[in-house]
Amino acid sequence: MVNIEARTFEAILSAFRTFADRLDTLCRLYGDMEEKKWLDNQEVCLLLKVSPRTLQTLRENGTLAYTQICHKTYYKPGDVESIIQIVEERRKRAESMGRSI
């Protein structure tokens, strides 16, 4: 059994209420994000026709923005669409040198 003073308990409760209020505000501001579909690594590899390693390079060099949640990587569809042309140009350049991406 753990005993804490009433003042300490009230301070913890107040901090929790503040946190809950902030969380509610964020949920109201960004609640529509559930409606937007985020893409995972496999989907992006298929869309861009690249390997997982090339996708990693696109993340590392800042070409493609991403979000990581619990060790899983997600991409906004708009960000993926915006680099399709870049990837195609790199593919053509690589093919002209006898390589692939």
PDB file of N, CA and C in Angstrom:
ATOM      1  N   MET A   1       0.849  -1.170   0.000  1.00  0.00           N
ATOM      2  CA  MET A   1       0.000   0.000   0.000  1.00  0.00           C
ATOM      3  C   MET A   1       0.898   1.237   0.000  1.00  0.00           C
ATOM      4  N   VAL A   2       0.501   2.220  -0.805  1.00  0.00           N
ATOM      5  CA  VAL A   2       1.259   3.458  -0.910  1.00  0.00           C
ATOM      6  C   VAL A   2       0.382   4.592  -0.401  1.00  0.00           C
ATOM      7  N   ASN A   3       0.941   5.385   0.466  1.00  0.00           N
ATOM      8  CA  ASN A   3       0.230   6.544   0.998  1.00  0.00           C
ATOM      9  C   ASN A   3       0.867   7.809   0.454  1.00  0.00           C
ATOM     10  N   ILE A   4       0.018   8.751   0.011  1.00  0.00           N
ATOM     11  CA  ILE A   4       0.532  10.051  -0.397  1.00  0.00           C
ATOM     12  C   ILE A   4      -0.316  11.125   0.260  1.00  0.00           C
ATOM     13  N   GLU A   5       0.305  12.284   0.434  1.00  0.00           N
ATOM     14  CA  GLU A   5      -0.404  13.388   1.072  1.00  0.00           C
ATOM     15  C   GLU A   5      -1.504  13.901   0.150  1.00  0.00           C
ATOM     16  N   ALA A   6      -2.508  14.483   0.755  1.00  0.00           N
ATOM     17  CA  ALA A   6      -3.639  15.015  -0.012  1.00  0.00           C
ATOM     18  C   ALA A   6      -3.171  16.081  -1.003  1.00  0.00           C
ATOM     19  N   ARG A   7      -2.218  16.940  -0.570  1.00  0.00           N
ATOM     20  CA  ARG A   7      -1.698  17.986  -1.462  1.00  0.00           C
ATOM     21  C   ARG A   7      -1.017  17.382  -2.684  1.00  0.00           C
ATOM     22  N   THR A   8      -0.246  16.342  -2.462  1.00  0.00           N
ATOM     23  CA  THR A   8       0.451  15.676  -3.561  1.00  0.00           C
ATOM     24  C   THR A   8      -0.555  15.037  -4.507  1.00  0.00           C
ATOM     25  N   PHE A   9      -1.554  14.392  -3.941  1.00  0.00           N
ATOM     26  CA  PHE A   9      -2.591  13.769  -4.758  1.00  0.00           C
ATOM     27  C   PHE A   9      -3.309  14.812  -5.605  1.00  0.00           C
ATOM     28  N   GLU A  10      -3.656  15.945  -5.006  1.00  0.00           N
ATOM     29  CA  GLU A  10      -4.341  17.013  -5.743  1.00  0.00           C
ATOM     30  C   GLU A  10      -3.449  17.568  -6.849  1.00  0.00           C
ATOM     31  N   ALA A  11      -2.155  17.688  -6.599  1.00  0.00           N
ATOM     32  CA  ALA A  11      -1.223  18.182  -7.621  1.00  0.00           C
ATOM     33  C   ALA A  11      -1.145  17.207  -8.792  1.00  0.00           C
ATOM     34  N   ILE A  12      -1.090  15.929  -8.488  1.00  0.00           N
ATOM     35  CA  ILE A  12      -1.053  14.906  -9.541  1.00  0.00           C
ATOM     36  C   ILE A  12      -2.354  14.937 -10.335  1.00  0.00           C
ATOM     37  N   LEU A  13      -3.458  15.028  -9.637  1.00  0.00           N
ATOM     38  CA  LEU A  13      -4.767  15.071 -10.288  1.00  0.00           C
ATOM     39  C   LEU A  13      -4.893  16.302 -11.186  1.00  0.00           C
ATOM     40  N   SER A  14      -4.413  17.440 -10.707  1.00  0.00           N
ATOM     41  CA  SER A  14      -4.456  18.667 -11.497  1.00  0.00           C
ATOM     42  C   SER A  14      -3.601  18.537 -12.759  1.00  0.00           C
ATOM     43  N   ALA A  15      -2.411  17.958 -12.611  1.00  0.00           N
ATOM     44  CA  ALA A  15      -1.535  17.758 -13.770  1.00  0.00           C
ATOM     45  C   ALA A  15      -2.187  16.816 -14.776  1.00  0.00           C
ATOM     46  N   PHE A  16      -2.837  15.789 -14.285  1.00  0.00           N
ATOM     47  CA  PHE A  16      -3.511  14.849 -15.177  1.00  0.00           C
ATOM     48  C   PHE A  16      -4.662  15.531 -15.915  1.00  0.00           C
ATOM     49  N   ARG A  17      -5.416  16.363 -15.217  1.00  0.00           N
ATOM     50  CA  ARG A  17      -6.525  17.076 -15.867  1.00  0.00           C
ATOM     51  C   ARG A  17      -5.999  18.011 -16.959  1.00  0.00           C
ATOM     52  N   THR A  18      -4.895  18.690 -16.675  1.00  0.00           N
ATOM     53  CA  THR A  18      -4.280  19.565 -17.677  1.00  0.00           C
ATOM     54  C   THR A  18      -3.863  18.759 -18.901  1.00  0.00           C
ATOM     55  N   PHE A  19      -3.249  17.617 -18.662  1.00  0.00           N
ATOM     56  CA  PHE A  19      -2.839  16.732 -19.753  1.00  0.00           C
ATOM     57  C   PHE A  19      -4.047  16.272 -20.562  1.00  0.00           C
ATOM     58  N   ALA A  20      -5.105  15.869 -19.874  1.00  0.00           N
ATOM     59  CA  ALA A  20      -6.316  15.396 -20.551  1.00  0.00           C
ATOM     60  C   ALA A  20      -6.944  16.512 -21.385  1.00  0.00           C
ATOM     61  N   ASP A  21      -6.935  17.741 -20.866  1.00  0.00           N
ATOM     62  CA  ASP A  21      -7.472  18.878 -21.619  1.00  0.00           C
ATOM     63  C   ASP A  21      -6.662  19.122 -22.889  1.00  0.00           C
ATOM     64  N   ARG A  22      -5.343  19.052 -22.775  1.00  0.00           N
ATOM     65  CA  ARG A  22      -4.486  19.240 -23.954  1.00  0.00           C
ATOM     66  C   ARG A  22      -4.738  18.142 -24.981  1.00  0.00           C
ATOM     67  N   LEU A  23      -4.887  16.940 -24.500  1.00  0.00           N
ATOM     68  CA  LEU A  23      -5.150  15.813 -25.391  1.00  0.00           C
ATOM     69  C   LEU A  23      -6.486  15.994 -26.113  1.00  0.00           C
ATOM     70  N   ASP A  24      -7.499  16.445 -25.397  1.00  0.00           N
ATOM     71  CA  ASP A  24      -8.802  16.711 -26.022  1.00  0.00           C
ATOM     72  C   ASP A  24      -8.681  17.779 -27.106  1.00  0.00           C
ATOM     73  N   THR A  25      -7.914  18.824 -26.822  1.00  0.00           N
ATOM     74  CA  THR A  25      -7.703  19.890 -27.802  1.00  0.00           C
ATOM     75  C   THR A  25      -7.036  19.346 -29.055  1.00  0.00           C
ATOM     76  N   LEU A  26      -6.001  18.545 -28.881  1.00  0.00           N
ATOM     77  CA  LEU A  26      -5.307  17.955 -30.028  1.00  0.00           C
ATOM     78  C   LEU A  26      -6.227  17.037 -30.823  1.00  0.00           C
ATOM     79  N   CYS A  27      -7.037  16.279 -30.133  1.00  0.00           N
ATOM     80  CA  CYS A  27      -7.970  15.379 -30.824  1.00  0.00           C
ATOM     81  C   CYS A  27      -8.981  16.166 -31.644  1.00  0.00           C
ATOM     82  N   ARG A  28      -9.428  17.294 -31.120  1.00  0.00           N
ATOM     83  CA  ARG A  28     -10.369  18.121 -31.874  1.00  0.00           C
ATOM     84  C   ARG A  28      -9.688  18.731 -33.099  1.00  0.00           C
ATOM     85  N   LEU A  29      -8.442  19.185 -32.931  1.00  0.00           N
ATOM     86  CA  LEU A  29      -7.717  19.809 -34.039  1.00  0.00           C
ATOM     87  C   LEU A  29      -7.370  18.819 -35.136  1.00  0.00           C
ATOM     88  N   TYR A  30      -6.932  17.638 -34.745  1.00  0.00           N
ATOM     89  CA  TYR A  30      -6.421  16.669 -35.707  1.00  0.00           C
ATOM     90  C   TYR A  30      -7.279  15.415 -35.806  1.00  0.00           C
ATOM     91  N   GLY A  31      -8.485  15.479 -35.343  1.00  0.00           N
ATOM     92  CA  GLY A  31      -9.365  14.316 -35.335  1.00  0.00           C
ATOM     93  C   GLY A  31      -9.678  13.771 -36.713  1.00  0.00           C
ATOM     94  N   ASP A  32      -9.628  14.635 -37.716  1.00  0.00           N
ATOM     95  CA  ASP A  32      -9.936  14.177 -39.068  1.00  0.00           C
ATOM     96  C   ASP A  32      -8.812  13.350 -39.673  1.00  0.00           C
ATOM     97  N   MET A  33      -7.695  13.245 -39.001  1.00  0.00           N
ATOM     98  CA  MET A  33      -6.566  12.489 -39.539  1.00  0.00           C
ATOM     99  C   MET A  33      -6.889  11.007 -39.666  1.00  0.00           C
ATOM    100  N   GLU A  34      -7.850  10.523 -38.892  1.00  0.00           N
ATOM    101  CA  GLU A  34      -8.240   9.123 -39.004  1.00  0.00           C
ATOM    102  C   GLU A  34      -8.809   8.836 -40.388  1.00  0.00           C
ATOM    103  N   GLU A  35      -9.443   9.851 -40.972  1.00  0.00           N
ATOM    104  CA  GLU A  35     -10.060   9.672 -42.275  1.00  0.00           C
ATOM    105  C   GLU A  35      -9.022   9.582 -43.385  1.00  0.00           C
ATOM    106  N   LYS A  36      -7.855  10.170 -43.176  1.00  0.00           N
ATOM    107  CA  LYS A  36      -6.813  10.160 -44.192  1.00  0.00           C
ATOM    108  C   LYS A  36      -6.039   8.857 -44.102  1.00  0.00           C
ATOM    109  N   LYS A  37      -5.803   8.264 -45.234  1.00  0.00           N
ATOM    110  CA  LYS A  37      -5.088   6.991 -45.251  1.00  0.00           C
ATOM    111  C   LYS A  37      -3.590   7.247 -45.325  1.00  0.00           C
ATOM    112  N   TRP A  38      -2.863   6.650 -44.427  1.00  0.00           N
ATOM    113  CA  TRP A  38      -1.407   6.693 -44.464  1.00  0.00           C
ATOM    114  C   TRP A  38      -0.934   5.404 -45.116  1.00  0.00           C
ATOM    115  N   LEU A  39       0.185   5.475 -45.789  1.00  0.00           N
ATOM    116  CA  LEU A  39       0.727   4.317 -46.493  1.00  0.00           C
ATOM    117  C   LEU A  39       1.876   3.717 -45.700  1.00  0.00           C
ATOM    118  N   ASP A  40       2.025   2.395 -45.761  1.00  0.00           N
ATOM    119  CA  ASP A  40       3.155   1.757 -45.088  1.00  0.00           C
ATOM    120  C   ASP A  40       4.259   1.477 -46.107  1.00  0.00           C
ATOM    121  N   ASN A  41       5.366   0.890 -45.642  1.00  0.00           N
ATOM    122  CA  ASN A  41       6.521   0.635 -46.506  1.00  0.00           C
ATOM    123  C   ASN A  41       6.152  -0.175 -47.744  1.00  0.00           C
ATOM    124  N   GLN A  42       5.409  -1.242 -47.555  1.00  0.00           N
ATOM    125  CA  GLN A  42       5.081  -2.124 -48.670  1.00  0.00           C
ATOM    126  C   GLN A  42       4.269  -1.390 -49.738  1.00  0.00           C
ATOM    127  N   GLU A  43       3.283  -0.628 -49.303  1.00  0.00           N
ATOM    128  CA  GLU A  43       2.452   0.106 -50.254  1.00  0.00           C
ATOM    129  C   GLU A  43       3.268   1.126 -51.042  1.00  0.00           C
ATOM    130  N   VAL A  44       4.181   1.815 -50.346  1.00  0.00           N
ATOM    131  CA  VAL A  44       4.998   2.827 -51.017  1.00  0.00           C
ATOM    132  C   VAL A  44       5.971   2.173 -51.993  1.00  0.00           C
ATOM    133  N   CYS A  45       6.574   1.054 -51.603  1.00  0.00           N
ATOM    134  CA  CYS A  45       7.471   0.331 -52.513  1.00  0.00           C
ATOM    135  C   CYS A  45       6.729  -0.063 -53.788  1.00  0.00           C
ATOM    136  N   LEU A  46       5.509  -0.529 -53.652  1.00  0.00           N
ATOM    137  CA  LEU A  46       4.721  -0.920 -54.821  1.00  0.00           C
ATOM    138  C   LEU A  46       4.367   0.288 -55.690  1.00  0.00           C
ATOM    139  N   LEU A  47       3.976   1.387 -55.058  1.00  0.00           N
ATOM    140  CA  LEU A  47       3.605   2.582 -55.812  1.00  0.00           C
ATOM    141  C   LEU A  47       4.791   3.180 -56.566  1.00  0.00           C
ATOM    142  N   LEU A  48       5.948   3.229 -55.899  1.00  0.00           N
ATOM    143  CA  LEU A  48       7.129   3.838 -56.512  1.00  0.00           C
ATOM    144  C   LEU A  48       7.945   2.849 -57.340  1.00  0.00           C
ATOM    145  N   LYS A  49       7.608   1.567 -57.209  1.00  0.00           N
ATOM    146  CA  LYS A  49       8.352   0.500 -57.890  1.00  0.00           C
ATOM    147  C   LYS A  49       9.828   0.531 -57.496  1.00  0.00           C
ATOM    148  N   VAL A  50      10.059   0.577 -56.184  1.00  0.00           N
ATOM    149  CA  VAL A  50      11.418   0.582 -55.643  1.00  0.00           C
ATOM    150  C   VAL A  50      11.553  -0.519 -54.598  1.00  0.00           C
ATOM    151  N   SER A  51      12.792  -0.841 -54.281  1.00  0.00           N
ATOM    152  CA  SER A  51      13.064  -1.839 -53.250  1.00  0.00           C
ATOM    153  C   SER A  51      12.952  -1.197 -51.869  1.00  0.00           C
ATOM    154  N   PRO A  52      12.828  -2.003 -50.824  1.00  0.00           N
ATOM    155  CA  PRO A  52      12.808  -1.454 -49.466  1.00  0.00           C
ATOM    156  C   PRO A  52      14.079  -0.657 -49.146  1.00  0.00           C
ATOM    157  N   ARG A  53      15.211  -1.102 -49.686  1.00  0.00           N
ATOM    158  CA  ARG A  53      16.468  -0.385 -49.422  1.00  0.00           C
ATOM    159  C   ARG A  53      16.461   0.989 -50.093  1.00  0.00           C
ATOM    160  N   THR A  54      15.939   1.066 -51.307  1.00  0.00           N
ATOM    161  CA  THR A  54      15.837   2.361 -51.983  1.00  0.00           C
ATOM    162  C   THR A  54      14.883   3.272 -51.229  1.00  0.00           C
ATOM    163  N   LEU A  55      13.802   2.717 -50.730  1.00  0.00           N
ATOM    164  CA  LEU A  55      12.856   3.499 -49.935  1.00  0.00           C
ATOM    165  C   LEU A  55      13.544   4.052 -48.693  1.00  0.00           C
ATOM    166  N   GLN A  56      14.370   3.243 -48.063  1.00  0.00           N
ATOM    167  CA  GLN A  56      15.119   3.697 -46.892  1.00  0.00           C
ATOM    168  C   GLN A  56      16.038   4.856 -47.271  1.00  0.00           C
ATOM    169  N   THR A  57      16.687   4.757 -48.418  1.00  0.00           N
ATOM    170  CA  THR A  57      17.564   5.834 -48.878  1.00  0.00           C
ATOM    171  C   THR A  57      16.768   7.117 -49.109  1.00  0.00           C
ATOM    172  N   LEU A  58      15.582   6.997 -49.683  1.00  0.00           N
ATOM    173  CA  LEU A  58      14.735   8.174 -49.904  1.00  0.00           C
ATOM    174  C   LEU A  58      14.368   8.848 -48.582  1.00  0.00           C
ATOM    175  N   ARG A  59      14.165   8.045 -47.548  1.00  0.00           N
ATOM    176  CA  ARG A  59      13.896   8.611 -46.212  1.00  0.00           C
ATOM    177  C   ARG A  59      15.146   9.275 -45.656  1.00  0.00           C
ATOM    178  N   GLU A  60      16.265   8.560 -45.730  1.00  0.00           N
ATOM    179  CA  GLU A  60      17.504   9.038 -45.113  1.00  0.00           C
ATOM    180  C   GLU A  60      18.016  10.327 -45.744  1.00  0.00           C
ATOM    181  N   ASN A  61      17.874  10.467 -47.064  1.00  0.00           N
ATOM    182  CA  ASN A  61      18.403  11.678 -47.696  1.00  0.00           C
ATOM    183  C   ASN A  61      17.386  12.822 -47.723  1.00  0.00           C
ATOM    184  N   GLY A  62      16.238  12.617 -47.101  1.00  0.00           N
ATOM    185  CA  GLY A  62      15.254  13.685 -46.963  1.00  0.00           C
ATOM    186  C   GLY A  62      14.340  13.869 -48.160  1.00  0.00           C
ATOM    187  N   THR A  63      14.417  12.971 -49.130  1.00  0.00           N
ATOM    188  CA  THR A  63      13.561  13.070 -50.310  1.00  0.00           C
ATOM    189  C   THR A  63      12.107  12.789 -49.960  1.00  0.00           C
ATOM    190  N   LEU A  64      11.886  11.857 -49.046  1.00  0.00           N
ATOM    191  CA  LEU A  64      10.528  11.450 -48.691  1.00  0.00           C
ATOM    192  C   LEU A  64      10.303  11.612 -47.192  1.00  0.00           C
ATOM    193  N   ALA A  65       9.296  12.411 -46.852  1.00  0.00           N
ATOM    194  CA  ALA A  65       8.937  12.604 -45.445  1.00  0.00           C
ATOM    195  C   ALA A  65       8.219  11.362 -44.933  1.00  0.00           C
ATOM    196  N   TYR A  66       8.357  11.108 -43.647  1.00  0.00           N
ATOM    197  CA  TYR A  66       7.733   9.925 -43.057  1.00  0.00           C
ATOM    198  C   TYR A  66       7.463  10.159 -41.584  1.00  0.00           C
ATOM    199  N   THR A  67       6.655   9.281 -41.017  1.00  0.00           N
ATOM    200  CA  THR A  67       6.353   9.292 -39.592  1.00  0.00           C
ATOM    201  C   THR A  67       6.553   7.880 -39.079  1.00  0.00           C
ATOM    202  N   GLN A  68       7.175   7.782 -37.916  1.00  0.00           N
ATOM    203  CA  GLN A  68       7.411   6.463 -37.346  1.00  0.00           C
ATOM    204  C   GLN A  68       6.609   6.329 -36.054  1.00  0.00           C
ATOM    205  N   ILE A  69       5.813   5.266 -35.984  1.00  0.00           N
ATOM    206  CA  ILE A  69       5.000   4.998 -34.800  1.00  0.00           C
ATOM    207  C   ILE A  69       5.248   3.554 -34.397  1.00  0.00           C
ATOM    208  N   CYS A  70       5.774   3.366 -33.199  1.00  0.00           N
ATOM    209  CA  CYS A  70       6.056   2.019 -32.689  1.00  0.00           C
ATOM    210  C   CYS A  70       6.867   1.199 -33.694  1.00  0.00           C
ATOM    211  N   HIS A  71       7.942   1.762 -34.166  1.00  0.00           N
ATOM    212  CA  HIS A  71       8.874   1.086 -35.076  1.00  0.00           C
ATOM    213  C   HIS A  71       8.262   0.747 -36.431  1.00  0.00           C
ATOM    214  N   LYS A  72       7.123   1.333 -36.750  1.00  0.00           N
ATOM    215  CA  LYS A  72       6.518   1.124 -38.068  1.00  0.00           C
ATOM    216  C   LYS A  72       6.495   2.477 -38.777  1.00  0.00           C
ATOM    217  N   THR A  73       6.831   2.476 -40.050  1.00  0.00           N
ATOM    218  CA  THR A  73       6.972   3.713 -40.807  1.00  0.00           C
ATOM    219  C   THR A  73       5.742   3.942 -41.682  1.00  0.00           C
ATOM    220  N   TYR A  74       5.255   5.195 -41.668  1.00  0.00           N
ATOM    221  CA  TYR A  74       4.084   5.575 -42.448  1.00  0.00           C
ATOM    222  C   TYR A  74       4.392   6.815 -43.282  1.00  0.00           C
ATOM    223  N   TYR A  75       3.681   6.944 -44.404  1.00  0.00           N
ATOM    224  CA  TYR A  75       3.894   8.045 -45.332  1.00  0.00           C
ATOM    225  C   TYR A  75       2.551   8.645 -45.723  1.00  0.00           C
ATOM    226  N   LYS A  76       2.529   9.966 -45.894  1.00  0.00           N
ATOM    227  CA  LYS A  76       1.323  10.624 -46.382  1.00  0.00           C
ATOM    228  C   LYS A  76       1.248  10.398 -47.889  1.00  0.00           C
ATOM    229  N   PRO A  77       0.060  10.069 -48.388  1.00  0.00           N
ATOM    230  CA  PRO A  77      -0.076   9.845 -49.836  1.00  0.00           C
ATOM    231  C   PRO A  77       0.411  11.031 -50.673  1.00  0.00           C
ATOM    232  N   GLY A  78       0.158  12.239 -50.212  1.00  0.00           N
ATOM    233  CA  GLY A  78       0.599  13.427 -50.947  1.00  0.00           C
ATOM    234  C   GLY A  78       2.111  13.522 -51.054  1.00  0.00           C
ATOM    235  N   ASP A  79       2.808  13.127 -49.984  1.00  0.00           N
ATOM    236  CA  ASP A  79       4.272  13.141 -50.012  1.00  0.00           C
ATOM    237  C   ASP A  79       4.806  12.124 -51.010  1.00  0.00           C
ATOM    238  N   VAL A  80       4.163  10.968 -51.064  1.00  0.00           N
ATOM    239  CA  VAL A  80       4.590   9.923 -52.004  1.00  0.00           C
ATOM    240  C   VAL A  80       4.334  10.390 -53.437  1.00  0.00           C
ATOM    241  N   GLU A  81       3.157  10.956 -53.674  1.00  0.00           N
ATOM    242  CA  GLU A  81       2.823  11.436 -55.017  1.00  0.00           C
ATOM    243  C   GLU A  81       3.794  12.506 -55.486  1.00  0.00           C
ATOM    244  N   SER A  82       4.253  13.342 -54.549  1.00  0.00           N
ATOM    245  CA  SER A  82       5.133  14.447 -54.933  1.00  0.00           C
ATOM    246  C   SER A  82       6.522  13.992 -55.366  1.00  0.00           C
ATOM    247  N   ILE A  83       6.931  12.761 -55.037  1.00  0.00           N
ATOM    248  CA  ILE A  83       8.267  12.318 -55.446  1.00  0.00           C
ATOM    249  C   ILE A  83       8.242  11.288 -56.569  1.00  0.00           C
ATOM    250  N   ILE A  84       7.082  10.963 -57.088  1.00  0.00           N
ATOM    251  CA  ILE A  84       7.011   9.977 -58.173  1.00  0.00           C
ATOM    252  C   ILE A  84       7.881  10.411 -59.347  1.00  0.00           C
ATOM    253  N   GLN A  85       7.798  11.679 -59.730  1.00  0.00           N
ATOM    254  CA  GLN A  85       8.584  12.184 -60.857  1.00  0.00           C
ATOM    255  C   GLN A  85      10.082  12.086 -60.557  1.00  0.00           C
ATOM    256  N   ILE A  86      10.478  12.413 -59.345  1.00  0.00           N
ATOM    257  CA  ILE A  86      11.894  12.334 -58.950  1.00  0.00           C
ATOM    258  C   ILE A  86      12.396  10.904 -59.072  1.00  0.00           C
ATOM    259  N   VAL A  87      11.608   9.969 -58.581  1.00  0.00           N
ATOM    260  CA  VAL A  87      12.006   8.556 -58.627  1.00  0.00           C
ATOM    261  C   VAL A  87      12.098   8.077 -60.076  1.00  0.00           C
ATOM    262  N   GLU A  88      11.157   8.495 -60.914  1.00  0.00           N
ATOM    263  CA  GLU A  88      11.194   8.096 -62.325  1.00  0.00           C
ATOM    264  C   GLU A  88      12.447   8.633 -63.013  1.00  0.00           C
ATOM    265  N   GLU A  89      12.810   9.876 -62.707  1.00  0.00           N
ATOM    266  CA  GLU A  89      14.025  10.456 -63.296  1.00  0.00           C
ATOM    267  C   GLU A  89      15.263   9.687 -62.840  1.00  0.00           C
ATOM    268  N   ARG A  90      15.316   9.345 -61.565  1.00  0.00           N
ATOM    269  CA  ARG A  90      16.452   8.564 -61.058  1.00  0.00           C
ATOM    270  C   ARG A  90      16.493   7.179 -61.692  1.00  0.00           C
ATOM    271  N   ARG A  91      15.330   6.586 -61.910  1.00  0.00           N
ATOM    272  CA  ARG A  91      15.271   5.270 -62.538  1.00  0.00           C
ATOM    273  C   ARG A  91      15.827   5.344 -63.964  1.00  0.00           C
ATOM    274  N   LYS A  92      15.410   6.360 -64.733  1.00  0.00           N
ATOM    275  CA  LYS A  92      15.886   6.519 -66.109  1.00  0.00           C
ATOM    276  C   LYS A  92      17.396   6.744 -66.137  1.00  0.00           C
ATOM    277  N   ARG A  93      17.893   7.573 -65.223  1.00  0.00           N
ATOM    278  CA  ARG A  93      19.331   7.835 -65.150  1.00  0.00           C
ATOM    279  C   ARG A  93      20.094   6.556 -64.829  1.00  0.00           C
ATOM    280  N   ALA A  94      19.579   5.787 -63.875  1.00  0.00           N
ATOM    281  CA  ALA A  94      20.235   4.533 -63.489  1.00  0.00           C
ATOM    282  C   ALA A  94      20.210   3.535 -64.641  1.00  0.00           C
ATOM    283  N   GLU A  95      19.082   3.439 -65.337  1.00  0.00           N
ATOM    284  CA  GLU A  95      18.976   2.505 -66.464  1.00  0.00           C
ATOM    285  C   GLU A  95      19.929   2.878 -67.592  1.00  0.00           C
ATOM    286  N   SER A  96      20.141   4.182 -67.799  1.00  0.00           N
ATOM    287  CA  SER A  96      21.067   4.603 -68.854  1.00  0.00           C
ATOM    288  C   SER A  96      22.509   4.215 -68.524  1.00  0.00           C
ATOM    289  N   MET A  97      22.767   3.964 -67.245  1.00  0.00           N
ATOM    290  CA  MET A  97      24.098   3.521 -66.813  1.00  0.00           C
ATOM    291  C   MET A  97      24.143   2.016 -66.591  1.00  0.00           C
ATOM    292  N   GLY A  98      23.054   1.334 -66.967  1.00  0.00           N
ATOM    293  CA  GLY A  98      23.018  -0.115 -66.823  1.00  0.00           C
ATOM    294  C   GLY A  98      22.741  -0.600 -65.412  1.00  0.00           C
ATOM    295  N   ARG A  99      22.164   0.276 -64.589  1.00  0.00           N
ATOM    296  CA  ARG A  99      21.832  -0.093 -63.210  1.00  0.00           C
ATOM    297  C   ARG A  99      20.332  -0.001 -63.001  1.00  0.00           C
ATOM    298  N   SER A 100      19.923  -0.382 -61.815  1.00  0.00           N
ATOM    299  CA  SER A 100      18.509  -0.231 -61.452  1.00  0.00           C
ATOM    300  C   SER A 100      18.433   0.349 -60.048  1.00  0.00           C
ATOM    301  N   ILE A 101      17.270   0.879 -59.720  1.00  0.00           N
ATOM    302  CA  ILE A 101      17.092   1.401 -58.353  1.00  0.00           C
ATOM    303  C   ILE A 101      16.097   0.549 -57.618  1.00  0.00           C
TER     304      ILE A 101
END
